[in-house]
Amino acid sequence: MVKKQLLQIALDGGAGSGKTTIAKKLASYYGFYHFSTGNIFRSFALIVHNETDLSPKNVKKKIKKIPLKIIKDKIILNGKDVTDLLSEPKISKIASLISAQKYVRKKYRKLIKKISKQEKIILDGRDIGTVVLPHAKHKFFFIASPEIRAKRRLAQLKLSSSNLKKIVDAIKKRDADDTKRSISPLKPAKDAVIIDTSKLTITQVFNRVVKNINAHKNN
């Protein structure tokens, strides 16, 4: 019996690089299931965002108390859809701080394992091409300047330009934390296509990715 080939697309990159936006458009275009894996870490961060103690022991204790479910592209905590609450800068910062903790990674792997078994899937995050979907046929890594990414985040959160420097600093800090951590650091897979989205429109990035996928999907 011939085993079905998994049709998987991995998109990685830092905050505001455009990976989630493009992933959603690709999913709609190809009819794939899409999930942004960063939302799992952000959901954990949301659980502990009022805690002053972010030690592994306390984070584990708090996370174990709250039931978490993933329904399509939605995150359900304790029976409530919290997806729209996950893009706050504070939540992203905490997510970065706790993402390397042993229990957090274990819980993440357990949740993402079920998702990644689907035959037609697009996942975006920070370690998709290197860890979650290492055998994906199509891998992309998005980069963009911190200033451009900060402006995108301002627009997304509908904040005034007075917050720009704060967001830029937060993005630079997050990048440093993500790239230097010992567990699943943010870095492109060796076979990933690197795209600088700084000066490209959403349509231009999308077309470039689609062109690459279509050129190699039958190879």
N, C-alpha and C. Protein backbone atom coordinates (compact mmCIF):
# COMPACT_ATOMS: atom_id res chain seq x y z
N MET A 1 0.85 -1.20 0.00
CA MET A 1 0.00 0.00 0.00
C MET A 1 0.89 1.25 0.00
N VAL A 2 0.63 2.16 -0.94
CA VAL A 2 1.41 3.37 -1.03
C VAL A 2 0.94 4.38 0.02
N LYS A 3 1.85 4.88 0.81
CA LYS A 3 1.51 5.85 1.84
C LYS A 3 1.25 7.21 1.21
N LYS A 4 0.17 7.85 1.64
CA LYS A 4 -0.18 9.17 1.13
C LYS A 4 0.91 10.18 1.49
N GLN A 5 1.21 11.03 0.53
CA GLN A 5 2.20 12.08 0.80
C GLN A 5 1.53 13.21 1.57
N LEU A 6 2.19 13.63 2.63
CA LEU A 6 1.66 14.73 3.41
C LEU A 6 1.90 16.05 2.68
N LEU A 7 0.84 16.81 2.53
CA LEU A 7 0.95 18.12 1.90
C LEU A 7 1.02 19.16 3.00
N GLN A 8 2.23 19.52 3.38
CA GLN A 8 2.42 20.40 4.52
C GLN A 8 3.24 21.63 4.12
N ILE A 9 2.83 22.78 4.66
CA ILE A 9 3.53 24.03 4.40
C ILE A 9 3.92 24.64 5.75
N ALA A 10 5.18 24.94 5.91
CA ALA A 10 5.69 25.51 7.16
C ALA A 10 6.11 26.96 6.94
N LEU A 11 5.58 27.85 7.77
CA LEU A 11 5.95 29.27 7.70
C LEU A 11 6.48 29.71 9.06
N ASP A 12 7.69 30.24 9.07
CA ASP A 12 8.29 30.73 10.31
C ASP A 12 8.70 32.19 10.17
N GLY A 13 8.88 32.83 11.31
CA GLY A 13 9.32 34.21 11.32
C GLY A 13 8.98 34.88 12.63
N GLY A 14 9.55 36.05 12.85
CA GLY A 14 9.29 36.79 14.08
C GLY A 14 7.94 37.48 14.05
N ALA A 15 7.58 38.11 15.15
CA ALA A 15 6.31 38.82 15.26
C ALA A 15 6.23 39.94 14.22
N GLY A 16 5.09 40.00 13.52
CA GLY A 16 4.89 41.06 12.54
C GLY A 16 5.56 40.84 11.21
N SER A 17 6.15 39.67 10.99
CA SER A 17 6.83 39.40 9.72
C SER A 17 5.84 39.08 8.60
N GLY A 18 4.59 38.79 8.97
CA GLY A 18 3.56 38.53 7.97
C GLY A 18 3.18 37.07 7.81
N LYS A 19 3.78 36.20 8.59
CA LYS A 19 3.58 34.77 8.40
C LYS A 19 2.13 34.31 8.61
N THR A 20 1.47 34.83 9.64
CA THR A 20 0.10 34.39 9.91
C THR A 20 -0.87 34.89 8.84
N THR A 21 -0.70 36.14 8.42
CA THR A 21 -1.54 36.70 7.36
C THR A 21 -1.43 35.89 6.08
N ILE A 22 -0.20 35.57 5.69
CA ILE A 22 0.02 34.80 4.46
C ILE A 22 -0.47 33.36 4.64
N ALA A 23 -0.26 32.80 5.81
CA ALA A 23 -0.71 31.43 6.07
C ALA A 23 -2.22 31.30 5.90
N LYS A 24 -2.95 32.29 6.39
CA LYS A 24 -4.41 32.27 6.26
C LYS A 24 -4.83 32.36 4.79
N LYS A 25 -4.16 33.21 4.03
CA LYS A 25 -4.48 33.35 2.61
C LYS A 25 -4.15 32.07 1.84
N LEU A 26 -3.03 31.44 2.19
CA LEU A 26 -2.64 30.19 1.54
C LEU A 26 -3.64 29.08 1.85
N ALA A 27 -4.09 29.04 3.09
CA ALA A 27 -5.05 28.01 3.50
C ALA A 27 -6.34 28.14 2.70
N SER A 28 -6.78 29.37 2.53
CA SER A 28 -8.00 29.62 1.76
C SER A 28 -7.79 29.27 0.28
N TYR A 29 -6.63 29.61 -0.23
CA TYR A 29 -6.32 29.38 -1.65
C TYR A 29 -6.20 27.89 -1.99
N TYR A 30 -5.50 27.15 -1.13
CA TYR A 30 -5.27 25.73 -1.39
C TYR A 30 -6.29 24.80 -0.74
N GLY A 31 -7.11 25.34 0.16
CA GLY A 31 -8.07 24.49 0.86
C GLY A 31 -7.43 23.66 1.95
N PHE A 32 -6.37 24.21 2.58
CA PHE A 32 -5.66 23.53 3.65
C PHE A 32 -6.20 24.00 5.01
N TYR A 33 -5.92 23.20 6.03
CA TYR A 33 -6.21 23.61 7.40
C TYR A 33 -5.05 24.47 7.89
N HIS A 34 -5.36 25.58 8.53
CA HIS A 34 -4.31 26.46 9.04
C HIS A 34 -4.43 26.64 10.55
N PHE A 35 -3.27 26.67 11.20
CA PHE A 35 -3.24 26.99 12.62
C PHE A 35 -1.94 27.73 12.94
N SER A 36 -2.07 28.80 13.72
CA SER A 36 -0.91 29.57 14.15
C SER A 36 -0.44 29.02 15.50
N THR A 37 0.67 28.30 15.49
CA THR A 37 1.11 27.60 16.70
C THR A 37 1.48 28.54 17.84
N GLY A 38 1.83 29.78 17.51
CA GLY A 38 2.17 30.74 18.56
C GLY A 38 1.01 31.00 19.50
N ASN A 39 -0.20 30.76 19.02
CA ASN A 39 -1.38 30.97 19.87
C ASN A 39 -1.43 29.99 21.04
N ILE A 40 -0.77 28.86 20.91
CA ILE A 40 -0.73 27.92 22.03
C ILE A 40 0.09 28.53 23.17
N PHE A 41 1.28 29.05 22.84
CA PHE A 41 2.11 29.68 23.86
C PHE A 41 1.44 30.93 24.42
N ARG A 42 0.78 31.69 23.54
CA ARG A 42 0.10 32.90 24.01
C ARG A 42 -1.08 32.55 24.91
N SER A 43 -1.71 31.41 24.67
CA SER A 43 -2.81 31.00 25.55
C SER A 43 -2.29 30.65 26.94
N PHE A 44 -1.12 30.01 26.99
CA PHE A 44 -0.49 29.74 28.28
C PHE A 44 -0.13 31.05 28.98
N ALA A 45 0.38 32.00 28.17
CA ALA A 45 0.75 33.31 28.73
C ALA A 45 -0.47 34.03 29.28
N LEU A 46 -1.60 33.89 28.60
CA LEU A 46 -2.83 34.54 29.06
C LEU A 46 -3.25 33.99 30.42
N ILE A 47 -3.03 32.71 30.62
CA ILE A 47 -3.39 32.07 31.89
C ILE A 47 -2.60 32.67 33.05
N VAL A 48 -1.33 32.98 32.80
CA VAL A 48 -0.45 33.43 33.90
C VAL A 48 -0.12 34.92 33.81
N HIS A 49 -0.83 35.69 32.98
CA HIS A 49 -0.41 37.08 32.73
C HIS A 49 -0.52 37.99 33.96
N ASN A 50 -1.31 37.57 34.95
CA ASN A 50 -1.42 38.38 36.17
C ASN A 50 -0.52 37.86 37.30
N GLU A 51 0.27 36.84 36.99
CA GLU A 51 1.15 36.24 38.00
C GLU A 51 2.46 37.02 38.10
N THR A 52 2.95 37.20 39.30
CA THR A 52 4.27 37.81 39.49
C THR A 52 5.35 36.73 39.51
N ASP A 53 4.93 35.51 39.78
CA ASP A 53 5.85 34.38 39.83
C ASP A 53 5.71 33.56 38.54
N LEU A 54 6.70 33.69 37.65
CA LEU A 54 6.68 32.95 36.39
C LEU A 54 7.71 31.82 36.42
N SER A 55 7.96 31.30 37.60
CA SER A 55 8.87 30.16 37.72
C SER A 55 8.22 28.94 37.07
N PRO A 56 9.01 28.00 36.56
CA PRO A 56 8.45 26.80 35.92
C PRO A 56 7.44 26.08 36.81
N LYS A 57 7.70 26.01 38.10
CA LYS A 57 6.81 25.31 39.02
C LYS A 57 5.44 25.98 39.09
N ASN A 58 5.42 27.31 39.19
CA ASN A 58 4.15 28.02 39.31
C ASN A 58 3.40 28.05 37.97
N VAL A 59 4.13 28.23 36.89
CA VAL A 59 3.51 28.23 35.57
C VAL A 59 2.85 26.89 35.29
N LYS A 60 3.54 25.82 35.60
CA LYS A 60 2.99 24.48 35.42
C LYS A 60 1.72 24.31 36.24
N LYS A 61 1.75 24.74 37.47
CA LYS A 61 0.60 24.62 38.38
C LYS A 61 -0.62 25.35 37.81
N LYS A 62 -0.42 26.57 37.31
CA LYS A 62 -1.52 27.38 36.80
C LYS A 62 -2.08 26.81 35.49
N ILE A 63 -1.18 26.40 34.60
CA ILE A 63 -1.61 25.88 33.30
C ILE A 63 -2.40 24.58 33.45
N LYS A 64 -1.97 23.73 34.37
CA LYS A 64 -2.64 22.45 34.57
C LYS A 64 -4.07 22.62 35.06
N LYS A 65 -4.36 23.76 35.69
CA LYS A 65 -5.69 23.99 36.25
C LYS A 65 -6.74 24.37 35.20
N ILE A 66 -6.29 24.95 34.09
CA ILE A 66 -7.22 25.49 33.10
C ILE A 66 -7.31 24.58 31.87
N PRO A 67 -8.50 24.04 31.58
CA PRO A 67 -8.65 23.20 30.39
C PRO A 67 -8.52 24.02 29.11
N LEU A 68 -7.71 23.53 28.18
CA LEU A 68 -7.47 24.22 26.91
C LEU A 68 -7.86 23.31 25.76
N LYS A 69 -8.65 23.86 24.84
CA LYS A 69 -9.05 23.11 23.65
C LYS A 69 -8.77 23.94 22.40
N ILE A 70 -8.47 23.25 21.32
CA ILE A 70 -8.27 23.90 20.03
C ILE A 70 -9.38 23.44 19.11
N ILE A 71 -10.21 24.36 18.68
CA ILE A 71 -11.31 24.03 17.78
C ILE A 71 -11.11 24.83 16.50
N LYS A 72 -10.68 24.13 15.46
CA LYS A 72 -10.29 24.77 14.20
C LYS A 72 -9.15 25.75 14.48
N ASP A 73 -9.38 27.06 14.27
CA ASP A 73 -8.31 28.03 14.53
C ASP A 73 -8.58 28.82 15.80
N LYS A 74 -9.44 28.30 16.64
CA LYS A 74 -9.81 29.00 17.87
C LYS A 74 -9.17 28.35 19.10
N ILE A 75 -8.82 29.19 20.07
CA ILE A 75 -8.30 28.71 21.35
C ILE A 75 -9.40 28.89 22.39
N ILE A 76 -9.74 27.79 23.04
CA ILE A 76 -10.80 27.81 24.05
C ILE A 76 -10.19 27.52 25.41
N LEU A 77 -10.24 28.51 26.30
CA LEU A 77 -9.73 28.34 27.66
C LEU A 77 -10.91 28.33 28.63
N ASN A 78 -11.00 27.23 29.37
CA ASN A 78 -12.06 27.11 30.37
C ASN A 78 -13.44 27.36 29.76
N GLY A 79 -13.63 26.90 28.52
CA GLY A 79 -14.91 27.02 27.84
C GLY A 79 -15.14 28.35 27.14
N LYS A 80 -14.16 29.26 27.18
CA LYS A 80 -14.32 30.59 26.58
C LYS A 80 -13.33 30.80 25.43
N ASP A 81 -13.83 31.32 24.31
CA ASP A 81 -12.98 31.63 23.17
C ASP A 81 -12.14 32.87 23.50
N VAL A 82 -10.82 32.68 23.59
CA VAL A 82 -9.93 33.79 23.97
C VAL A 82 -9.01 34.20 22.82
N THR A 83 -9.29 33.72 21.62
CA THR A 83 -8.41 33.96 20.48
C THR A 83 -8.10 35.43 20.26
N ASP A 84 -9.11 36.28 20.39
CA ASP A 84 -8.93 37.72 20.14
C ASP A 84 -8.12 38.43 21.22
N LEU A 85 -7.85 37.74 22.32
CA LEU A 85 -7.10 38.37 23.41
C LEU A 85 -5.60 38.07 23.34
N LEU A 86 -5.21 37.26 22.36
CA LEU A 86 -3.85 36.74 22.35
C LEU A 86 -2.81 37.63 21.66
N SER A 87 -3.24 38.70 21.01
CA SER A 87 -2.29 39.51 20.26
C SER A 87 -1.73 40.71 21.04
N GLU A 88 -2.14 40.84 22.30
CA GLU A 88 -1.63 41.95 23.12
C GLU A 88 -0.11 41.81 23.33
N PRO A 89 0.63 42.92 23.24
CA PRO A 89 2.09 42.88 23.42
C PRO A 89 2.52 42.22 24.73
N LYS A 90 1.78 42.47 25.81
CA LYS A 90 2.14 41.89 27.10
C LYS A 90 2.05 40.37 27.05
N ILE A 91 1.04 39.85 26.37
CA ILE A 91 0.86 38.41 26.25
C ILE A 91 1.99 37.79 25.44
N SER A 92 2.37 38.46 24.35
CA SER A 92 3.47 37.97 23.52
C SER A 92 4.78 37.94 24.30
N LYS A 93 5.00 38.96 25.12
CA LYS A 93 6.22 39.03 25.91
C LYS A 93 6.29 37.88 26.91
N ILE A 94 5.19 37.62 27.59
CA ILE A 94 5.16 36.52 28.56
C ILE A 94 5.31 35.18 27.85
N ALA A 95 4.70 35.06 26.67
CA ALA A 95 4.80 33.83 25.90
C ALA A 95 6.26 33.50 25.59
N SER A 96 7.02 34.54 25.24
CA SER A 96 8.44 34.35 24.95
C SER A 96 9.20 33.92 26.20
N LEU A 97 8.84 34.50 27.34
CA LEU A 97 9.53 34.20 28.60
C LEU A 97 9.33 32.75 29.05
N ILE A 98 8.12 32.22 28.85
CA ILE A 98 7.82 30.89 29.36
C ILE A 98 7.92 29.78 28.31
N SER A 99 8.13 30.15 27.04
CA SER A 99 8.07 29.16 25.96
C SER A 99 9.15 28.10 26.02
N ALA A 100 10.25 28.37 26.72
CA ALA A 100 11.33 27.39 26.80
C ALA A 100 11.22 26.49 28.04
N GLN A 101 10.23 26.74 28.88
CA GLN A 101 10.07 25.92 30.09
C GLN A 101 9.66 24.49 29.72
N LYS A 102 10.18 23.54 30.44
CA LYS A 102 10.01 22.13 30.12
C LYS A 102 8.54 21.72 30.01
N TYR A 103 7.74 22.07 31.02
CA TYR A 103 6.33 21.66 30.99
C TYR A 103 5.57 22.36 29.88
N VAL A 104 5.87 23.63 29.65
CA VAL A 104 5.20 24.39 28.60
C VAL A 104 5.48 23.75 27.24
N ARG A 105 6.74 23.37 26.98
CA ARG A 105 7.09 22.71 25.72
C ARG A 105 6.40 21.36 25.61
N LYS A 106 6.33 20.63 26.72
CA LYS A 106 5.68 19.32 26.71
C LYS A 106 4.20 19.45 26.37
N LYS A 107 3.54 20.40 26.99
CA LYS A 107 2.12 20.63 26.74
C LYS A 107 1.90 21.09 25.29
N TYR A 108 2.79 21.94 24.83
CA TYR A 108 2.73 22.43 23.45
C TYR A 108 2.86 21.26 22.47
N ARG A 109 3.85 20.41 22.68
CA ARG A 109 4.08 19.28 21.77
C ARG A 109 2.88 18.34 21.74
N LYS A 110 2.25 18.14 22.89
CA LYS A 110 1.09 17.26 22.96
C LYS A 110 -0.06 17.81 22.13
N LEU A 111 -0.28 19.13 22.22
CA LEU A 111 -1.37 19.75 21.49
C LEU A 111 -1.08 19.82 19.98
N ILE A 112 0.15 20.18 19.64
CA ILE A 112 0.49 20.37 18.23
C ILE A 112 0.64 19.03 17.51
N LYS A 113 0.93 17.96 18.24
CA LYS A 113 1.10 16.64 17.63
C LYS A 113 -0.16 16.19 16.91
N LYS A 114 -1.30 16.41 17.56
CA LYS A 114 -2.58 16.02 16.95
C LYS A 114 -2.87 16.85 15.70
N ILE A 115 -2.56 18.14 15.79
CA ILE A 115 -2.84 19.03 14.68
C ILE A 115 -1.97 18.69 13.46
N SER A 116 -0.70 18.43 13.71
CA SER A 116 0.26 18.25 12.61
C SER A 116 0.11 16.93 11.86
N LYS A 117 -0.75 16.05 12.33
CA LYS A 117 -0.95 14.77 11.65
C LYS A 117 -1.86 14.89 10.43
N GLN A 118 -2.51 16.03 10.28
CA GLN A 118 -3.40 16.22 9.14
C GLN A 118 -2.61 16.24 7.85
N GLU A 119 -3.20 15.70 6.79
CA GLU A 119 -2.49 15.55 5.53
C GLU A 119 -2.29 16.87 4.79
N LYS A 120 -3.25 17.76 4.90
CA LYS A 120 -3.14 19.05 4.22
C LYS A 120 -3.18 20.16 5.28
N ILE A 121 -2.02 20.67 5.59
CA ILE A 121 -1.95 21.61 6.71
C ILE A 121 -0.92 22.71 6.47
N ILE A 122 -1.23 23.89 6.98
CA ILE A 122 -0.29 25.01 6.97
C ILE A 122 -0.14 25.46 8.42
N LEU A 123 1.07 25.41 8.92
CA LEU A 123 1.34 25.86 10.27
C LEU A 123 2.31 27.03 10.22
N ASP A 124 2.06 28.03 11.06
CA ASP A 124 3.02 29.12 11.16
C ASP A 124 3.44 29.29 12.61
N GLY A 125 4.69 29.69 12.79
CA GLY A 125 5.21 29.84 14.14
C GLY A 125 6.67 30.23 14.12
N ARG A 126 7.45 29.65 15.03
CA ARG A 126 8.87 29.99 15.12
C ARG A 126 9.79 28.78 14.98
N ASP A 127 9.21 27.59 15.06
CA ASP A 127 10.03 26.38 14.91
C ASP A 127 9.32 25.32 14.06
N ILE A 128 8.49 25.77 13.14
CA ILE A 128 7.70 24.83 12.34
C ILE A 128 8.59 24.04 11.38
N GLY A 129 9.40 24.75 10.61
CA GLY A 129 10.25 24.07 9.63
C GLY A 129 11.39 23.29 10.25
N THR A 130 11.80 23.67 11.46
CA THR A 130 12.94 23.00 12.10
C THR A 130 12.52 21.88 13.05
N VAL A 131 11.35 22.01 13.69
CA VAL A 131 10.96 21.04 14.72
C VAL A 131 9.60 20.38 14.47
N VAL A 132 8.57 21.19 14.25
CA VAL A 132 7.20 20.65 14.16
C VAL A 132 6.97 19.89 12.85
N LEU A 133 7.34 20.50 11.73
CA LEU A 133 7.17 19.86 10.42
C LEU A 133 8.50 19.80 9.68
N PRO A 134 9.47 19.08 10.22
CA PRO A 134 10.81 19.06 9.60
C PRO A 134 10.82 18.43 8.21
N HIS A 135 9.80 17.62 7.89
CA HIS A 135 9.76 16.96 6.59
C HIS A 135 8.79 17.64 5.63
N ALA A 136 8.29 18.82 6.01
CA ALA A 136 7.39 19.54 5.12
C ALA A 136 8.10 19.83 3.79
N LYS A 137 7.36 19.69 2.71
CA LYS A 137 7.94 19.89 1.38
C LYS A 137 8.18 21.37 1.11
N HIS A 138 7.34 22.20 1.69
CA HIS A 138 7.43 23.64 1.43
C HIS A 138 7.67 24.39 2.74
N LYS A 139 8.83 25.04 2.83
CA LYS A 139 9.18 25.78 4.04
C LYS A 139 9.57 27.22 3.68
N PHE A 140 9.06 28.15 4.48
CA PHE A 140 9.36 29.56 4.25
C PHE A 140 9.72 30.22 5.57
N PHE A 141 10.63 31.17 5.50
CA PHE A 141 11.03 31.92 6.68
C PHE A 141 10.95 33.40 6.33
N PHE A 142 10.07 34.13 7.02
CA PHE A 142 9.85 35.55 6.74
C PHE A 142 10.69 36.42 7.67
N ILE A 143 11.28 37.44 7.09
CA ILE A 143 12.01 38.44 7.88
C ILE A 143 11.49 39.83 7.49
N ALA A 144 11.70 40.79 8.36
CA ALA A 144 11.35 42.19 8.10
C ALA A 144 12.01 43.03 9.18
N SER A 145 12.24 44.30 8.90
CA SER A 145 12.87 45.16 9.88
C SER A 145 11.97 45.34 11.09
N PRO A 146 12.54 45.51 12.28
CA PRO A 146 11.74 45.72 13.49
C PRO A 146 10.79 46.90 13.37
N GLU A 147 11.23 47.96 12.68
CA GLU A 147 10.39 49.16 12.53
C GLU A 147 9.15 48.87 11.69
N ILE A 148 9.32 48.16 10.61
CA ILE A 148 8.19 47.79 9.75
C ILE A 148 7.23 46.88 10.50
N ARG A 149 7.78 45.92 11.20
CA ARG A 149 6.94 44.98 11.95
C ARG A 149 6.18 45.69 13.07
N ALA A 150 6.83 46.68 13.68
CA ALA A 150 6.17 47.44 14.75
C ALA A 150 5.00 48.24 14.19
N LYS A 151 5.18 48.84 13.02
CA LYS A 151 4.10 49.60 12.40
C LYS A 151 2.92 48.69 12.07
N ARG A 152 3.22 47.49 11.63
CA ARG A 152 2.15 46.52 11.34
C ARG A 152 1.39 46.16 12.61
N ARG A 153 2.14 45.98 13.69
CA ARG A 153 1.52 45.63 14.97
C ARG A 153 0.66 46.79 15.49
N LEU A 154 1.12 48.02 15.30
CA LEU A 154 0.34 49.20 15.69
C LEU A 154 -0.99 49.22 14.95
N ALA A 155 -0.92 48.95 13.65
CA ALA A 155 -2.14 48.95 12.84
C ALA A 155 -3.07 47.83 13.27
N GLN A 156 -2.50 46.67 13.55
CA GLN A 156 -3.29 45.51 13.97
C GLN A 156 -4.03 45.78 15.28
N LEU A 157 -3.32 46.41 16.22
CA LEU A 157 -3.90 46.67 17.53
C LEU A 157 -4.60 48.03 17.62
N LYS A 158 -4.53 48.78 16.50
CA LYS A 158 -5.17 50.09 16.43
C LYS A 158 -4.66 51.04 17.53
N LEU A 159 -3.33 51.08 17.64
CA LEU A 159 -2.69 51.94 18.63
C LEU A 159 -2.14 53.19 17.95
N SER A 160 -1.93 54.24 18.72
CA SER A 160 -1.39 55.48 18.17
C SER A 160 0.11 55.33 17.91
N SER A 161 0.63 56.22 17.05
CA SER A 161 2.06 56.17 16.68
C SER A 161 2.98 56.46 17.86
N SER A 162 2.43 57.01 18.93
CA SER A 162 3.24 57.31 20.11
C SER A 162 3.77 56.02 20.77
N ASN A 163 3.16 54.89 20.40
CA ASN A 163 3.57 53.60 20.96
C ASN A 163 4.65 52.91 20.12
N LEU A 164 5.05 53.55 19.02
CA LEU A 164 5.95 52.89 18.06
C LEU A 164 7.26 52.44 18.69
N LYS A 165 7.96 53.33 19.39
CA LYS A 165 9.25 52.97 19.97
C LYS A 165 9.12 51.82 20.96
N LYS A 166 8.06 51.86 21.75
CA LYS A 166 7.83 50.80 22.73
C LYS A 166 7.65 49.45 22.03
N ILE A 167 6.91 49.45 20.92
CA ILE A 167 6.68 48.21 20.19
C ILE A 167 7.95 47.74 19.50
N VAL A 168 8.72 48.68 18.95
CA VAL A 168 10.00 48.32 18.31
C VAL A 168 10.93 47.66 19.32
N ASP A 169 11.04 48.26 20.49
CA ASP A 169 11.90 47.71 21.54
C ASP A 169 11.43 46.32 21.97
N ALA A 170 10.11 46.16 22.07
CA ALA A 170 9.55 44.87 22.48
C ALA A 170 9.84 43.80 21.43
N ILE A 171 9.76 44.16 20.16
CA ILE A 171 10.03 43.21 19.08
C ILE A 171 11.50 42.81 19.07
N LYS A 172 12.39 43.78 19.26
CA LYS A 172 13.83 43.49 19.30
C LYS A 172 14.16 42.55 20.47
N LYS A 173 13.53 42.82 21.60
CA LYS A 173 13.75 41.98 22.78
C LYS A 173 13.24 40.57 22.52
N ARG A 174 12.05 40.47 21.92
CA ARG A 174 11.46 39.17 21.63
C ARG A 174 12.34 38.39 20.66
N ASP A 175 12.85 39.06 19.64
CA ASP A 175 13.74 38.41 18.67
C ASP A 175 14.97 37.85 19.36
N ALA A 176 15.55 38.65 20.25
CA ALA A 176 16.76 38.23 20.96
C ALA A 176 16.46 37.00 21.82
N ASP A 177 15.35 37.05 22.54
CA ASP A 177 14.97 35.93 23.40
C ASP A 177 14.72 34.66 22.58
N ASP A 178 14.03 34.82 21.46
CA ASP A 178 13.64 33.67 20.65
C ASP A 178 14.82 33.03 19.92
N THR A 179 15.76 33.86 19.48
CA THR A 179 16.89 33.31 18.73
C THR A 179 17.98 32.73 19.62
N LYS A 180 18.05 33.20 20.87
CA LYS A 180 19.12 32.76 21.76
C LYS A 180 18.74 31.60 22.67
N ARG A 181 17.44 31.28 22.75
CA ARG A 181 17.05 30.21 23.66
C ARG A 181 17.58 28.87 23.16
N SER A 182 17.87 27.98 24.07
CA SER A 182 18.49 26.69 23.72
C SER A 182 17.48 25.71 23.14
N ILE A 183 16.20 25.84 23.51
CA ILE A 183 15.17 24.92 23.04
C ILE A 183 14.40 25.54 21.88
N SER A 184 14.43 24.88 20.72
CA SER A 184 13.69 25.33 19.54
C SER A 184 13.84 26.82 19.25
N PRO A 185 15.06 27.28 19.04
CA PRO A 185 15.26 28.72 18.77
C PRO A 185 14.67 29.13 17.43
N LEU A 186 14.40 30.41 17.29
CA LEU A 186 13.89 30.95 16.04
C LEU A 186 15.03 31.01 15.03
N LYS A 187 14.93 30.20 13.98
CA LYS A 187 15.93 30.20 12.92
C LYS A 187 15.34 29.49 11.70
N PRO A 188 15.80 29.84 10.52
CA PRO A 188 15.27 29.19 9.32
C PRO A 188 15.79 27.76 9.19
N ALA A 189 14.93 26.89 8.68
CA ALA A 189 15.38 25.53 8.36
C ALA A 189 16.38 25.64 7.21
N LYS A 190 17.26 24.68 7.10
CA LYS A 190 18.30 24.73 6.07
C LYS A 190 17.71 24.79 4.66
N ASP A 191 16.53 24.18 4.49
CA ASP A 191 15.91 24.15 3.16
C ASP A 191 14.75 25.14 3.02
N ALA A 192 14.69 26.12 3.92
CA ALA A 192 13.60 27.11 3.87
C ALA A 192 13.92 28.22 2.86
N VAL A 193 12.88 28.74 2.24
CA VAL A 193 13.00 29.89 1.36
C VAL A 193 12.84 31.14 2.22
N ILE A 194 13.84 31.99 2.23
CA ILE A 194 13.80 33.19 3.06
C ILE A 194 13.26 34.37 2.25
N ILE A 195 12.23 35.03 2.79
CA ILE A 195 11.61 36.16 2.11
C ILE A 195 11.60 37.37 3.02
N ASP A 196 12.19 38.46 2.55
CA ASP A 196 12.15 39.72 3.29
C ASP A 196 10.87 40.45 2.89
N THR A 197 9.94 40.57 3.83
CA THR A 197 8.63 41.16 3.54
C THR A 197 8.58 42.66 3.81
N SER A 198 9.70 43.26 4.19
CA SER A 198 9.73 44.66 4.61
C SER A 198 9.09 45.60 3.60
N LYS A 199 9.44 45.44 2.32
CA LYS A 199 8.99 46.36 1.29
C LYS A 199 7.97 45.74 0.33
N LEU A 200 7.41 44.61 0.74
CA LEU A 200 6.44 43.91 -0.11
C LEU A 200 5.03 44.05 0.44
N THR A 201 4.07 44.13 -0.45
CA THR A 201 2.67 44.12 -0.02
C THR A 201 2.27 42.69 0.30
N ILE A 202 1.13 42.53 0.94
CA ILE A 202 0.62 41.20 1.26
C ILE A 202 0.45 40.39 -0.03
N THR A 203 -0.10 41.03 -1.05
CA THR A 203 -0.31 40.35 -2.33
C THR A 203 1.00 39.91 -2.96
N GLN A 204 2.02 40.76 -2.88
CA GLN A 204 3.32 40.41 -3.46
C GLN A 204 3.96 39.23 -2.73
N VAL A 205 3.86 39.21 -1.40
CA VAL A 205 4.40 38.09 -0.63
C VAL A 205 3.64 36.82 -0.97
N PHE A 206 2.33 36.92 -0.97
CA PHE A 206 1.48 35.77 -1.27
C PHE A 206 1.82 35.20 -2.65
N ASN A 207 1.92 36.05 -3.65
CA ASN A 207 2.21 35.59 -5.01
C ASN A 207 3.57 34.92 -5.10
N ARG A 208 4.55 35.46 -4.36
CA ARG A 208 5.89 34.88 -4.37
C ARG A 208 5.88 33.48 -3.76
N VAL A 209 5.15 33.31 -2.66
CA VAL A 209 5.06 32.01 -2.00
C VAL A 209 4.33 31.00 -2.89
N VAL A 210 3.22 31.43 -3.46
CA VAL A 210 2.44 30.54 -4.33
C VAL A 210 3.26 30.10 -5.54
N LYS A 211 4.00 31.05 -6.13
CA LYS A 211 4.83 30.73 -7.27
C LYS A 211 5.86 29.68 -6.93
N ASN A 212 6.47 29.82 -5.74
CA ASN A 212 7.47 28.85 -5.29
C ASN A 212 6.85 27.49 -5.06
N ILE A 213 5.69 27.46 -4.41
CA ILE A 213 5.02 26.19 -4.12
C ILE A 213 4.63 25.48 -5.40
N ASN A 214 4.03 26.21 -6.31
CA ASN A 214 3.57 25.61 -7.56
C ASN A 214 4.73 25.11 -8.42
N ALA A 215 5.88 25.78 -8.31
CA ALA A 215 7.05 25.39 -9.09
C ALA A 215 7.68 24.10 -8.58
N HIS A 216 7.44 23.80 -7.28
CA HIS A 216 8.10 22.64 -6.70
C HIS A 216 7.16 21.53 -6.23
N LYS A 217 5.85 21.73 -6.31
CA LYS A 217 4.94 20.75 -5.74
C LYS A 217 4.95 19.40 -6.46
N ASN A 218 5.40 19.39 -7.68
CA ASN A 218 5.43 18.13 -8.43
C ASN A 218 6.82 17.52 -8.53
N ASN A 219 7.79 18.16 -7.88
CA ASN A 219 9.17 17.65 -7.93
C ASN A 219 9.39 16.53 -6.95
